[in-house]
Amino acid sequence: MTSINRAALIKKLKLPAVQLTGLFGFFVILLFILEAITRPIIAEKKNQAATALMQEIVPATWRKVEFTTLDNGFTRAQAKQHQGHVDQPIYFAQTLTQQGYSGRIDLLIGFQLQANSIKIQGVRVIPPHHETPGLGDKIDTSHSQWIYSLSPHLITTQTKPWALKQNGGTFDAFTGATITPRAVIQQVYQFAQTTLQSAWFRQQSSQRDNNLTFADK
């Protein structure tokens, strides 16, 4: 091949390469635009799902429940009317684990503050999740009642890490699936421990103690 033919061939090949590069860049930009458009839509749908799940966790005896978003991102639920004794507020937090069998699992945790402890009032999976149908999807209340076993439980800083029965703990696994339930219980436990050691918990505990002291006088 002469130098002239070689140069002509290289010139012909350069044009498709430039076109492919431009096309690739166009699709990358398009994906970024689509992601930016859909991100707030997905976030809003998750918030709507979380709000519906909060209603499942609050006691059936509560009436006219008032939900307040706090500065730390938690949501406080308080009954304005109730039947029976006055209950402490229930706080809700959204958290997540990346350790599910199929990756990310978003959780809603409802809890009450006790003396030096947290009482787990309810846990729910915020859809969507991608756990295996018939196996890991049993974390969802539409497929199993397993997640109800995570409440009520008191957790203190001295509470041993939550574990499945096969690992010496108290929680059941799923037949043929251990990764998903293990990820959920570990995340709930870790969330509780982090909250117990937070400045927010110490502040709430101090306010609670002051209120009790004032009530006793």
N, C-alpha and C. Protein backbone atom coordinates (compact mmCIF):
# COMPACT_ATOMS: atom_id res chain seq x y z
N MET A 1 0.87 -1.19 0.00
CA MET A 1 0.00 0.00 0.00
C MET A 1 0.89 1.23 0.00
N THR A 2 0.61 2.13 -0.93
CA THR A 2 1.41 3.34 -1.02
C THR A 2 1.06 4.28 0.11
N SER A 3 1.94 5.25 0.33
CA SER A 3 1.70 6.23 1.40
C SER A 3 0.45 7.04 1.12
N ILE A 4 0.16 7.26 -0.16
CA ILE A 4 -1.04 8.04 -0.52
C ILE A 4 -2.30 7.25 -0.17
N ASN A 5 -2.31 5.94 -0.53
CA ASN A 5 -3.46 5.10 -0.22
C ASN A 5 -3.65 4.95 1.30
N ARG A 6 -2.52 4.81 2.00
CA ARG A 6 -2.59 4.67 3.45
C ARG A 6 -3.18 5.93 4.08
N ALA A 7 -2.76 7.09 3.63
CA ALA A 7 -3.27 8.35 4.16
C ALA A 7 -4.76 8.50 3.88
N ALA A 8 -5.16 8.05 2.66
CA ALA A 8 -6.57 8.14 2.30
C ALA A 8 -7.42 7.23 3.19
N LEU A 9 -6.90 6.02 3.47
CA LEU A 9 -7.62 5.08 4.32
C LEU A 9 -7.76 5.61 5.75
N ILE A 10 -6.67 6.17 6.26
CA ILE A 10 -6.71 6.73 7.61
C ILE A 10 -7.72 7.87 7.69
N LYS A 11 -7.76 8.67 6.65
CA LYS A 11 -8.71 9.79 6.60
C LYS A 11 -10.15 9.30 6.62
N LYS A 12 -10.39 8.20 5.87
CA LYS A 12 -11.74 7.63 5.83
C LYS A 12 -12.15 7.06 7.19
N LEU A 13 -11.20 6.45 7.90
CA LEU A 13 -11.49 5.85 9.20
C LEU A 13 -11.70 6.90 10.28
N LYS A 14 -11.06 8.03 10.14
CA LYS A 14 -11.16 9.07 11.17
C LYS A 14 -12.57 9.63 11.27
N LEU A 15 -13.24 9.77 10.14
CA LEU A 15 -14.57 10.36 10.13
C LEU A 15 -15.57 9.55 10.94
N PRO A 16 -15.69 8.21 10.73
CA PRO A 16 -16.61 7.43 11.56
C PRO A 16 -16.24 7.48 13.05
N ALA A 17 -14.93 7.48 13.33
CA ALA A 17 -14.50 7.53 14.73
C ALA A 17 -14.97 8.82 15.38
N VAL A 18 -14.84 9.94 14.66
CA VAL A 18 -15.30 11.23 15.19
C VAL A 18 -16.81 11.21 15.38
N GLN A 19 -17.51 10.63 14.41
CA GLN A 19 -18.97 10.54 14.52
C GLN A 19 -19.40 9.69 15.71
N LEU A 20 -18.72 8.56 15.91
CA LEU A 20 -19.05 7.68 17.04
C LEU A 20 -18.78 8.38 18.38
N THR A 21 -17.67 9.11 18.45
CA THR A 21 -17.34 9.84 19.67
C THR A 21 -18.41 10.88 19.97
N GLY A 22 -18.82 11.60 18.94
CA GLY A 22 -19.87 12.60 19.12
C GLY A 22 -21.19 11.98 19.54
N LEU A 23 -21.51 10.83 18.93
CA LEU A 23 -22.76 10.14 19.27
C LEU A 23 -22.73 9.64 20.72
N PHE A 24 -21.58 9.11 21.12
CA PHE A 24 -21.43 8.63 22.50
C PHE A 24 -21.60 9.80 23.49
N GLY A 25 -20.97 10.92 23.18
CA GLY A 25 -21.10 12.10 24.04
C GLY A 25 -22.54 12.58 24.13
N PHE A 26 -23.25 12.51 23.01
CA PHE A 26 -24.66 12.93 23.00
C PHE A 26 -25.49 12.06 23.94
N PHE A 27 -25.28 10.74 23.88
CA PHE A 27 -26.05 9.84 24.74
C PHE A 27 -25.69 10.01 26.21
N VAL A 28 -24.43 10.29 26.49
CA VAL A 28 -24.02 10.53 27.88
C VAL A 28 -24.74 11.76 28.44
N ILE A 29 -24.76 12.83 27.64
CA ILE A 29 -25.46 14.05 28.07
C ILE A 29 -26.95 13.79 28.23
N LEU A 30 -27.53 12.99 27.32
CA LEU A 30 -28.95 12.67 27.40
C LEU A 30 -29.27 11.89 28.68
N LEU A 31 -28.39 10.96 29.04
CA LEU A 31 -28.60 10.19 30.27
C LEU A 31 -28.54 11.09 31.50
N PHE A 32 -27.60 12.04 31.51
CA PHE A 32 -27.51 12.97 32.63
C PHE A 32 -28.78 13.82 32.75
N ILE A 33 -29.30 14.24 31.61
CA ILE A 33 -30.52 15.06 31.61
C ILE A 33 -31.71 14.24 32.12
N LEU A 34 -31.83 13.01 31.64
CA LEU A 34 -32.94 12.15 32.08
C LEU A 34 -32.84 11.84 33.56
N GLU A 35 -31.61 11.61 34.04
CA GLU A 35 -31.41 11.32 35.46
C GLU A 35 -31.80 12.53 36.31
N ALA A 36 -31.44 13.73 35.84
CA ALA A 36 -31.77 14.95 36.57
C ALA A 36 -33.28 15.18 36.61
N ILE A 37 -33.98 14.78 35.55
CA ILE A 37 -35.43 14.96 35.49
C ILE A 37 -36.14 13.95 36.37
N THR A 38 -35.68 12.69 36.33
CA THR A 38 -36.39 11.63 37.06
C THR A 38 -36.03 11.57 38.54
N ARG A 39 -34.86 12.11 38.94
CA ARG A 39 -34.43 12.01 40.34
C ARG A 39 -35.46 12.61 41.31
N PRO A 40 -35.93 13.85 41.09
CA PRO A 40 -36.92 14.39 42.03
C PRO A 40 -38.25 13.66 41.98
N ILE A 41 -38.61 13.11 40.83
CA ILE A 41 -39.86 12.36 40.71
C ILE A 41 -39.79 11.08 41.54
N ILE A 42 -38.65 10.38 41.44
CA ILE A 42 -38.45 9.15 42.22
C ILE A 42 -38.43 9.47 43.71
N ALA A 43 -37.74 10.56 44.08
CA ALA A 43 -37.65 10.95 45.48
C ALA A 43 -39.03 11.27 46.05
N GLU A 44 -39.86 11.95 45.26
CA GLU A 44 -41.20 12.29 45.72
C GLU A 44 -42.05 11.05 45.91
N LYS A 45 -41.93 10.09 44.98
CA LYS A 45 -42.68 8.84 45.11
C LYS A 45 -42.26 8.07 46.35
N LYS A 46 -40.96 8.09 46.65
CA LYS A 46 -40.47 7.40 47.86
C LYS A 46 -41.00 8.08 49.12
N ASN A 47 -41.04 9.41 49.09
CA ASN A 47 -41.56 10.14 50.25
C ASN A 47 -43.04 9.84 50.46
N GLN A 48 -43.79 9.74 49.37
CA GLN A 48 -45.21 9.40 49.46
C GLN A 48 -45.39 7.99 50.02
N ALA A 49 -44.55 7.07 49.54
CA ALA A 49 -44.62 5.70 50.05
C ALA A 49 -44.27 5.65 51.53
N ALA A 50 -43.25 6.42 51.93
CA ALA A 50 -42.83 6.45 53.34
C ALA A 50 -43.94 7.01 54.22
N THR A 51 -44.63 8.04 53.74
CA THR A 51 -45.73 8.62 54.52
C THR A 51 -46.84 7.61 54.74
N ALA A 52 -47.15 6.84 53.70
CA ALA A 52 -48.18 5.81 53.84
C ALA A 52 -47.74 4.73 54.82
N LEU A 53 -46.47 4.39 54.82
CA LEU A 53 -45.95 3.37 55.73
C LEU A 53 -45.95 3.87 57.17
N MET A 54 -45.73 5.17 57.37
CA MET A 54 -45.81 5.73 58.73
C MET A 54 -47.19 5.50 59.32
N GLN A 55 -48.20 5.66 58.48
CA GLN A 55 -49.57 5.47 58.95
C GLN A 55 -49.80 4.04 59.41
N GLU A 56 -49.06 3.10 58.82
CA GLU A 56 -49.19 1.70 59.23
C GLU A 56 -48.59 1.45 60.62
N ILE A 57 -47.56 2.21 60.94
CA ILE A 57 -46.82 1.95 62.17
C ILE A 57 -47.43 2.63 63.39
N VAL A 58 -48.03 3.81 63.20
CA VAL A 58 -48.61 4.50 64.36
C VAL A 58 -49.76 3.65 64.91
N PRO A 59 -49.96 3.67 66.23
CA PRO A 59 -51.01 2.84 66.85
C PRO A 59 -52.40 3.16 66.29
N ALA A 60 -53.22 2.14 66.21
CA ALA A 60 -54.58 2.31 65.70
C ALA A 60 -55.42 3.19 66.61
N THR A 61 -55.02 3.32 67.87
CA THR A 61 -55.78 4.13 68.82
C THR A 61 -55.51 5.63 68.67
N TRP A 62 -54.49 5.99 67.91
CA TRP A 62 -54.18 7.40 67.71
C TRP A 62 -55.16 8.02 66.74
N ARG A 63 -55.57 9.23 67.03
CA ARG A 63 -56.48 9.97 66.16
C ARG A 63 -55.85 11.32 65.82
N LYS A 64 -56.13 11.79 64.62
CA LYS A 64 -55.61 13.07 64.15
C LYS A 64 -54.11 13.16 64.39
N VAL A 65 -53.40 12.26 63.77
CA VAL A 65 -51.94 12.21 63.95
C VAL A 65 -51.29 13.38 63.22
N GLU A 66 -50.43 14.07 63.93
CA GLU A 66 -49.71 15.21 63.36
C GLU A 66 -48.27 14.80 63.08
N PHE A 67 -47.83 14.98 61.83
CA PHE A 67 -46.47 14.63 61.43
C PHE A 67 -45.67 15.92 61.26
N THR A 68 -44.50 15.97 61.91
CA THR A 68 -43.64 17.15 61.85
C THR A 68 -42.24 16.73 61.44
N THR A 69 -41.71 17.39 60.41
CA THR A 69 -40.34 17.11 59.97
C THR A 69 -39.36 17.91 60.82
N LEU A 70 -38.39 17.21 61.40
CA LEU A 70 -37.41 17.85 62.28
C LEU A 70 -36.17 18.27 61.50
N ASP A 71 -35.35 19.09 62.15
CA ASP A 71 -34.15 19.61 61.49
C ASP A 71 -33.17 18.51 61.09
N ASN A 72 -33.16 17.41 61.84
CA ASN A 72 -32.22 16.33 61.53
C ASN A 72 -32.76 15.37 60.47
N GLY A 73 -33.92 15.67 59.90
CA GLY A 73 -34.49 14.83 58.86
C GLY A 73 -35.48 13.80 59.36
N PHE A 74 -35.53 13.60 60.68
CA PHE A 74 -36.52 12.68 61.24
C PHE A 74 -37.91 13.29 61.14
N THR A 75 -38.91 12.44 61.20
CA THR A 75 -40.30 12.89 61.25
C THR A 75 -40.89 12.47 62.59
N ARG A 76 -41.52 13.42 63.28
CA ARG A 76 -42.15 13.12 64.57
C ARG A 76 -43.65 12.97 64.38
N ALA A 77 -44.20 11.88 64.87
CA ALA A 77 -45.65 11.65 64.82
C ALA A 77 -46.21 11.76 66.23
N GLN A 78 -47.23 12.56 66.39
CA GLN A 78 -47.86 12.75 67.69
C GLN A 78 -49.37 12.75 67.51
N ALA A 79 -50.06 12.01 68.38
CA ALA A 79 -51.52 11.96 68.32
C ALA A 79 -52.09 13.20 68.99
N LYS A 80 -52.94 13.95 68.27
CA LYS A 80 -53.62 15.09 68.86
C LYS A 80 -54.84 14.62 69.65
N GLN A 81 -55.37 13.45 69.25
CA GLN A 81 -56.43 12.79 70.00
C GLN A 81 -56.06 11.33 70.12
N HIS A 82 -56.49 10.69 71.20
CA HIS A 82 -56.11 9.29 71.40
C HIS A 82 -57.12 8.63 72.31
N GLN A 83 -57.04 7.33 72.36
CA GLN A 83 -57.87 6.55 73.27
C GLN A 83 -56.94 5.93 74.31
N GLY A 84 -57.26 6.10 75.58
CA GLY A 84 -56.40 5.56 76.62
C GLY A 84 -55.34 6.55 77.03
N HIS A 85 -54.20 6.03 77.52
CA HIS A 85 -53.15 6.89 78.04
C HIS A 85 -52.43 7.62 76.92
N VAL A 86 -51.76 8.69 77.28
CA VAL A 86 -51.02 9.48 76.30
C VAL A 86 -49.71 8.78 75.97
N ASP A 87 -49.48 8.52 74.70
CA ASP A 87 -48.25 7.86 74.28
C ASP A 87 -47.18 8.88 73.94
N GLN A 88 -45.93 8.45 74.07
CA GLN A 88 -44.81 9.27 73.64
C GLN A 88 -44.83 9.37 72.11
N PRO A 89 -44.24 10.44 71.57
CA PRO A 89 -44.19 10.56 70.11
C PRO A 89 -43.43 9.38 69.49
N ILE A 90 -43.74 9.10 68.26
CA ILE A 90 -42.97 8.12 67.49
C ILE A 90 -42.16 8.91 66.46
N TYR A 91 -40.89 8.61 66.39
CA TYR A 91 -40.02 9.26 65.42
C TYR A 91 -39.77 8.30 64.26
N PHE A 92 -39.70 8.85 63.07
CA PHE A 92 -39.45 8.04 61.88
C PHE A 92 -38.18 8.53 61.19
N ALA A 93 -37.43 7.58 60.70
CA ALA A 93 -36.21 7.91 59.97
C ALA A 93 -36.10 6.99 58.76
N GLN A 94 -35.61 7.54 57.68
CA GLN A 94 -35.32 6.74 56.49
C GLN A 94 -33.83 6.43 56.48
N THR A 95 -33.51 5.18 56.27
CA THR A 95 -32.12 4.76 56.21
C THR A 95 -32.00 3.71 55.11
N LEU A 96 -30.82 3.29 54.82
CA LEU A 96 -30.65 2.31 53.74
C LEU A 96 -29.44 1.43 53.99
N THR A 97 -29.48 0.28 53.38
CA THR A 97 -28.34 -0.62 53.37
C THR A 97 -28.03 -0.99 51.92
N GLN A 98 -26.77 -1.12 51.63
CA GLN A 98 -26.33 -1.55 50.29
C GLN A 98 -25.98 -3.04 50.30
N GLN A 99 -26.27 -3.72 51.42
CA GLN A 99 -25.83 -5.10 51.59
C GLN A 99 -26.90 -6.13 51.24
N GLY A 100 -28.01 -5.70 50.63
CA GLY A 100 -29.00 -6.67 50.19
C GLY A 100 -28.43 -7.58 49.11
N TYR A 101 -29.09 -8.70 48.87
CA TYR A 101 -28.59 -9.63 47.85
C TYR A 101 -28.51 -8.94 46.50
N SER A 102 -29.49 -8.06 46.24
CA SER A 102 -29.51 -7.33 44.97
C SER A 102 -29.16 -5.86 45.15
N GLY A 103 -28.47 -5.55 46.24
CA GLY A 103 -28.00 -4.17 46.43
C GLY A 103 -28.82 -3.38 47.43
N ARG A 104 -29.19 -2.19 47.03
CA ARG A 104 -29.78 -1.21 47.94
C ARG A 104 -31.19 -1.60 48.41
N ILE A 105 -31.41 -1.41 49.74
CA ILE A 105 -32.73 -1.59 50.34
C ILE A 105 -32.98 -0.36 51.21
N ASP A 106 -34.06 0.38 50.90
CA ASP A 106 -34.43 1.55 51.69
C ASP A 106 -35.38 1.14 52.80
N LEU A 107 -35.13 1.64 54.00
CA LEU A 107 -35.93 1.26 55.16
C LEU A 107 -36.53 2.48 55.84
N LEU A 108 -37.72 2.29 56.38
CA LEU A 108 -38.35 3.27 57.26
C LEU A 108 -38.38 2.66 58.65
N ILE A 109 -37.83 3.36 59.62
CA ILE A 109 -37.77 2.86 61.00
C ILE A 109 -38.56 3.81 61.89
N GLY A 110 -39.54 3.27 62.60
CA GLY A 110 -40.29 4.04 63.57
C GLY A 110 -39.83 3.65 64.97
N PHE A 111 -39.57 4.64 65.82
CA PHE A 111 -39.04 4.32 67.15
C PHE A 111 -39.49 5.37 68.17
N GLN A 112 -39.49 4.96 69.42
CA GLN A 112 -39.76 5.86 70.53
C GLN A 112 -38.53 5.95 71.42
N LEU A 113 -38.40 7.06 72.12
CA LEU A 113 -37.28 7.28 73.01
C LEU A 113 -37.64 6.82 74.41
N GLN A 114 -36.82 5.99 74.98
CA GLN A 114 -36.98 5.53 76.36
C GLN A 114 -35.74 5.96 77.14
N ALA A 115 -35.75 5.69 78.42
CA ALA A 115 -34.59 6.05 79.23
C ALA A 115 -33.36 5.26 78.78
N ASN A 116 -32.40 5.95 78.19
CA ASN A 116 -31.15 5.34 77.71
C ASN A 116 -31.37 4.23 76.70
N SER A 117 -32.47 4.27 75.99
CA SER A 117 -32.74 3.22 75.01
C SER A 117 -33.67 3.73 73.92
N ILE A 118 -33.75 2.95 72.88
CA ILE A 118 -34.67 3.22 71.78
C ILE A 118 -35.59 2.01 71.64
N LYS A 119 -36.87 2.27 71.51
CA LYS A 119 -37.84 1.20 71.32
C LYS A 119 -38.27 1.20 69.85
N ILE A 120 -37.91 0.14 69.16
CA ILE A 120 -38.29 0.01 67.76
C ILE A 120 -39.78 -0.30 67.69
N GLN A 121 -40.54 0.59 67.06
CA GLN A 121 -41.98 0.44 66.97
C GLN A 121 -42.43 -0.19 65.65
N GLY A 122 -41.59 -0.11 64.66
CA GLY A 122 -41.95 -0.71 63.39
C GLY A 122 -40.89 -0.46 62.34
N VAL A 123 -40.75 -1.40 61.43
CA VAL A 123 -39.80 -1.28 60.32
C VAL A 123 -40.54 -1.66 59.04
N ARG A 124 -40.32 -0.90 58.00
CA ARG A 124 -40.91 -1.21 56.71
C ARG A 124 -39.88 -0.96 55.61
N VAL A 125 -40.04 -1.70 54.51
CA VAL A 125 -39.19 -1.49 53.34
C VAL A 125 -39.89 -0.48 52.43
N ILE A 126 -39.16 0.57 52.06
CA ILE A 126 -39.70 1.58 51.16
C ILE A 126 -39.48 1.11 49.72
N PRO A 127 -40.54 0.94 48.95
CA PRO A 127 -40.36 0.48 47.58
C PRO A 127 -39.73 1.58 46.71
N PRO A 128 -39.09 1.16 45.60
CA PRO A 128 -38.95 -0.23 45.16
C PRO A 128 -37.68 -0.87 45.72
N HIS A 129 -37.67 -2.19 45.71
CA HIS A 129 -36.44 -2.92 45.99
C HIS A 129 -36.28 -3.97 44.89
N HIS A 130 -35.13 -4.60 44.84
CA HIS A 130 -34.85 -5.53 43.75
C HIS A 130 -34.45 -6.91 44.25
N GLU A 131 -34.96 -7.25 45.45
CA GLU A 131 -34.63 -8.56 46.00
C GLU A 131 -35.35 -9.67 45.22
N THR A 132 -34.77 -10.86 45.25
CA THR A 132 -35.22 -11.98 44.42
C THR A 132 -36.67 -12.38 44.75
N PRO A 133 -37.55 -12.41 43.76
CA PRO A 133 -38.93 -12.84 43.98
C PRO A 133 -38.98 -14.26 44.57
N GLY A 134 -39.80 -14.42 45.60
CA GLY A 134 -39.94 -15.73 46.23
C GLY A 134 -38.89 -16.03 47.28
N LEU A 135 -37.87 -15.18 47.37
CA LEU A 135 -36.80 -15.38 48.36
C LEU A 135 -36.61 -14.11 49.18
N GLY A 136 -35.75 -13.22 48.69
CA GLY A 136 -35.45 -12.01 49.43
C GLY A 136 -36.60 -11.03 49.52
N ASP A 137 -37.59 -11.15 48.62
CA ASP A 137 -38.69 -10.19 48.66
C ASP A 137 -39.62 -10.41 49.85
N LYS A 138 -39.31 -11.38 50.70
CA LYS A 138 -40.12 -11.61 51.90
C LYS A 138 -39.91 -10.52 52.95
N ILE A 139 -39.01 -9.59 52.69
CA ILE A 139 -38.87 -8.42 53.56
C ILE A 139 -40.07 -7.49 53.36
N ASP A 140 -40.79 -7.67 52.27
CA ASP A 140 -41.95 -6.84 51.95
C ASP A 140 -43.20 -7.43 52.61
N THR A 141 -44.01 -6.58 53.23
CA THR A 141 -45.20 -7.08 53.93
C THR A 141 -46.23 -7.68 52.98
N SER A 142 -46.12 -7.41 51.71
CA SER A 142 -47.06 -8.01 50.76
C SER A 142 -46.71 -9.46 50.46
N HIS A 143 -45.53 -9.91 50.90
CA HIS A 143 -45.11 -11.29 50.66
C HIS A 143 -44.90 -12.10 51.94
N SER A 144 -44.71 -11.41 53.07
CA SER A 144 -44.41 -12.12 54.30
C SER A 144 -44.63 -11.19 55.49
N GLN A 145 -44.82 -11.78 56.66
CA GLN A 145 -44.96 -10.99 57.88
C GLN A 145 -43.64 -10.93 58.67
N TRP A 146 -42.57 -11.36 58.03
CA TRP A 146 -41.28 -11.45 58.72
C TRP A 146 -40.87 -10.13 59.35
N ILE A 147 -41.05 -9.02 58.66
CA ILE A 147 -40.52 -7.74 59.15
C ILE A 147 -41.22 -7.28 60.41
N TYR A 148 -42.41 -7.83 60.69
CA TYR A 148 -43.11 -7.49 61.94
C TYR A 148 -42.35 -8.02 63.15
N SER A 149 -41.49 -9.00 62.94
CA SER A 149 -40.73 -9.58 64.07
C SER A 149 -39.65 -8.62 64.58
N LEU A 150 -39.41 -7.54 63.86
CA LEU A 150 -38.37 -6.59 64.27
C LEU A 150 -38.89 -5.58 65.29
N SER A 151 -40.15 -5.68 65.65
CA SER A 151 -40.71 -4.76 66.64
C SER A 151 -41.81 -5.47 67.43
N PRO A 152 -42.05 -5.01 68.70
CA PRO A 152 -41.26 -3.98 69.41
C PRO A 152 -40.03 -4.59 70.06
N HIS A 153 -38.93 -3.86 70.03
CA HIS A 153 -37.69 -4.28 70.66
C HIS A 153 -37.00 -3.06 71.25
N LEU A 154 -36.47 -3.22 72.45
CA LEU A 154 -35.67 -2.17 73.07
C LEU A 154 -34.20 -2.38 72.72
N ILE A 155 -33.53 -1.30 72.36
CA ILE A 155 -32.10 -1.36 72.05
C ILE A 155 -31.38 -0.32 72.88
N THR A 156 -30.34 -0.75 73.57
CA THR A 156 -29.46 0.15 74.31
C THR A 156 -28.05 0.03 73.74
N THR A 157 -27.15 0.83 74.27
CA THR A 157 -25.76 0.74 73.81
C THR A 157 -25.12 -0.59 74.24
N GLN A 158 -25.78 -1.29 75.17
CA GLN A 158 -25.26 -2.57 75.65
C GLN A 158 -25.90 -3.76 74.93
N THR A 159 -26.87 -3.49 74.08
CA THR A 159 -27.54 -4.57 73.36
C THR A 159 -26.58 -5.24 72.38
N LYS A 160 -26.55 -6.55 72.40
CA LYS A 160 -25.69 -7.28 71.47
C LYS A 160 -26.17 -7.07 70.03
N PRO A 161 -25.25 -7.09 69.07
CA PRO A 161 -25.65 -6.92 67.68
C PRO A 161 -26.74 -7.92 67.28
N TRP A 162 -27.71 -7.44 66.55
CA TRP A 162 -28.77 -8.31 66.07
C TRP A 162 -28.20 -9.32 65.07
N ALA A 163 -28.70 -10.54 65.16
CA ALA A 163 -28.21 -11.59 64.27
C ALA A 163 -29.32 -12.59 63.98
N LEU A 164 -29.13 -13.36 62.93
CA LEU A 164 -30.07 -14.43 62.60
C LEU A 164 -29.85 -15.60 63.55
N LYS A 165 -30.85 -16.45 63.68
CA LYS A 165 -30.75 -17.59 64.59
C LYS A 165 -29.57 -18.48 64.25
N GLN A 166 -29.31 -18.65 62.96
CA GLN A 166 -28.21 -19.52 62.55
C GLN A 166 -26.85 -18.93 62.90
N ASN A 167 -26.85 -17.63 63.25
CA ASN A 167 -25.61 -16.98 63.68
C ASN A 167 -25.61 -16.68 65.17
N GLY A 168 -26.51 -17.36 65.90
CA GLY A 168 -26.58 -17.17 67.35
C GLY A 168 -27.51 -16.08 67.80
N GLY A 169 -28.29 -15.51 66.88
CA GLY A 169 -29.22 -14.45 67.23
C GLY A 169 -30.63 -14.95 67.44
N THR A 170 -31.59 -14.05 67.33
CA THR A 170 -32.98 -14.40 67.63
C THR A 170 -33.92 -14.27 66.43
N PHE A 171 -33.40 -13.79 65.30
CA PHE A 171 -34.27 -13.53 64.16
C PHE A 171 -34.20 -14.64 63.11
N ASP A 172 -35.36 -14.97 62.57
CA ASP A 172 -35.44 -16.01 61.53
C ASP A 172 -34.87 -15.50 60.22
N ALA A 173 -34.32 -16.41 59.46
CA ALA A 173 -33.92 -16.13 58.08
C ALA A 173 -35.04 -16.61 57.17
N PHE A 174 -34.86 -16.47 55.87
CA PHE A 174 -35.80 -17.01 54.90
C PHE A 174 -35.24 -18.32 54.36
N THR A 175 -36.11 -19.22 54.02
CA THR A 175 -35.65 -20.47 53.41
C THR A 175 -34.94 -20.15 52.10
N GLY A 176 -33.69 -20.49 52.03
CA GLY A 176 -32.91 -20.25 50.82
C GLY A 176 -32.37 -18.85 50.69
N ALA A 177 -32.58 -18.02 51.71
CA ALA A 177 -32.10 -16.63 51.61
C ALA A 177 -31.71 -16.13 53.00
N THR A 178 -30.46 -15.77 53.17
CA THR A 178 -30.00 -15.22 54.45
C THR A 178 -29.40 -13.83 54.30
N ILE A 179 -28.89 -13.51 53.12
CA ILE A 179 -28.21 -12.23 52.93
C ILE A 179 -29.16 -11.06 53.14
N THR A 180 -30.37 -11.15 52.57
CA THR A 180 -31.32 -10.04 52.66
C THR A 180 -31.79 -9.79 54.08
N PRO A 181 -32.31 -10.79 54.81
CA PRO A 181 -32.75 -10.50 56.18
C PRO A 181 -31.61 -10.07 57.09
N ARG A 182 -30.41 -10.62 56.86
CA ARG A 182 -29.26 -10.21 57.67
C ARG A 182 -28.95 -8.73 57.44
N ALA A 183 -29.02 -8.30 56.19
CA ALA A 183 -28.75 -6.90 55.87
C ALA A 183 -29.75 -5.98 56.55
N VAL A 184 -31.01 -6.38 56.59
CA VAL A 184 -32.05 -5.53 57.19
C VAL A 184 -31.86 -5.41 58.69
N ILE A 185 -31.69 -6.54 59.39
CA ILE A 185 -31.59 -6.46 60.85
C ILE A 185 -30.31 -5.75 61.27
N GLN A 186 -29.24 -5.94 60.53
CA GLN A 186 -28.00 -5.26 60.87
C GLN A 186 -28.14 -3.75 60.69
N GLN A 187 -28.87 -3.33 59.66
CA GLN A 187 -29.04 -1.90 59.43
C GLN A 187 -29.92 -1.27 60.51
N VAL A 188 -30.97 -1.97 60.92
CA VAL A 188 -31.83 -1.44 61.98
C VAL A 188 -31.03 -1.29 63.27
N TYR A 189 -30.26 -2.31 63.60
CA TYR A 189 -29.44 -2.26 64.81
C TYR A 189 -28.41 -1.13 64.73
N GLN A 190 -27.74 -1.01 63.59
CA GLN A 190 -26.72 0.02 63.44
C GLN A 190 -27.33 1.42 63.51
N PHE A 191 -28.51 1.57 62.92
CA PHE A 191 -29.19 2.86 62.99
C PHE A 191 -29.48 3.22 64.45
N ALA A 192 -29.98 2.25 65.21
CA ALA A 192 -30.31 2.50 66.61
C ALA A 192 -29.07 2.90 67.41
N GLN A 193 -27.96 2.19 67.18
CA GLN A 193 -26.73 2.51 67.90
C GLN A 193 -26.22 3.90 67.55
N THR A 194 -26.27 4.25 66.28
CA THR A 194 -25.83 5.58 65.86
C THR A 194 -26.70 6.66 66.48
N THR A 195 -28.01 6.42 66.53
CA THR A 195 -28.93 7.40 67.11
C THR A 195 -28.70 7.54 68.61
N LEU A 196 -28.49 6.42 69.30
CA LEU A 196 -28.26 6.45 70.74
C LEU A 196 -27.02 7.27 71.11
N GLN A 197 -26.05 7.31 70.23
CA GLN A 197 -24.81 8.02 70.51
C GLN A 197 -24.79 9.44 69.91
N SER A 198 -25.93 9.87 69.38
CA SER A 198 -25.99 11.17 68.71
C SER A 198 -26.28 12.29 69.70
N ALA A 199 -25.89 13.50 69.32
CA ALA A 199 -26.17 14.67 70.15
C ALA A 199 -27.68 14.89 70.25
N TRP A 200 -28.40 14.57 69.19
CA TRP A 200 -29.86 14.73 69.20
C TRP A 200 -30.50 13.87 70.28
N PHE A 201 -30.07 12.63 70.41
CA PHE A 201 -30.63 11.74 71.44
C PHE A 201 -30.31 12.27 72.83
N ARG A 202 -29.10 12.73 73.04
CA ARG A 202 -28.73 13.27 74.35
C ARG A 202 -29.57 14.50 74.69
N GLN A 203 -29.81 15.32 73.69
CA GLN A 203 -30.64 16.51 73.91
C GLN A 203 -32.07 16.12 74.26
N GLN A 204 -32.62 15.17 73.54
CA GLN A 204 -33.99 14.72 73.80
C GLN A 204 -34.10 14.08 75.18
N SER A 205 -33.09 13.30 75.56
CA SER A 205 -33.08 12.66 76.87
C SER A 205 -33.03 13.69 77.98
N SER A 206 -32.23 14.74 77.78
CA SER A 206 -32.11 15.80 78.78
C SER A 206 -33.44 16.53 78.94
N GLN A 207 -34.09 16.83 77.83
CA GLN A 207 -35.39 17.50 77.89
C GLN A 207 -36.42 16.62 78.58
N ARG A 208 -36.37 15.33 78.28
CA ARG A 208 -37.32 14.39 78.89
C ARG A 208 -37.10 14.33 80.40
N ASP A 209 -35.85 14.27 80.84
CA ASP A 209 -35.55 14.23 82.27
C ASP A 209 -36.01 15.51 82.97
N ASN A 210 -35.81 16.65 82.30
CA ASN A 210 -36.24 17.92 82.88
C ASN A 210 -37.76 17.98 83.02
N ASN A 211 -38.46 17.46 82.02
CA ASN A 211 -39.92 17.45 82.06
C ASN A 211 -40.42 16.56 83.19
N LEU A 212 -39.77 15.40 83.37
CA LEU A 212 -40.16 14.49 84.44
C LEU A 212 -39.90 15.11 85.80
N THR A 213 -38.75 15.80 85.94
CA THR A 213 -38.42 16.45 87.21
C THR A 213 -39.43 17.54 87.54
N PHE A 214 -39.80 18.31 86.52
CA PHE A 214 -40.78 19.39 86.72
C PHE A 214 -42.15 18.81 87.10
N ALA A 215 -42.52 17.69 86.48
CA ALA A 215 -43.82 17.08 86.76
C ALA A 215 -43.88 16.53 88.18
N ASP A 216 -42.74 16.12 88.74
CA ASP A 216 -42.70 15.54 90.08
C ASP A 216 -42.81 16.60 91.18
N LYS A 217 -42.54 17.86 90.80
CA LYS A 217 -42.54 18.91 91.82
C LYS A 217 -43.96 19.33 92.17
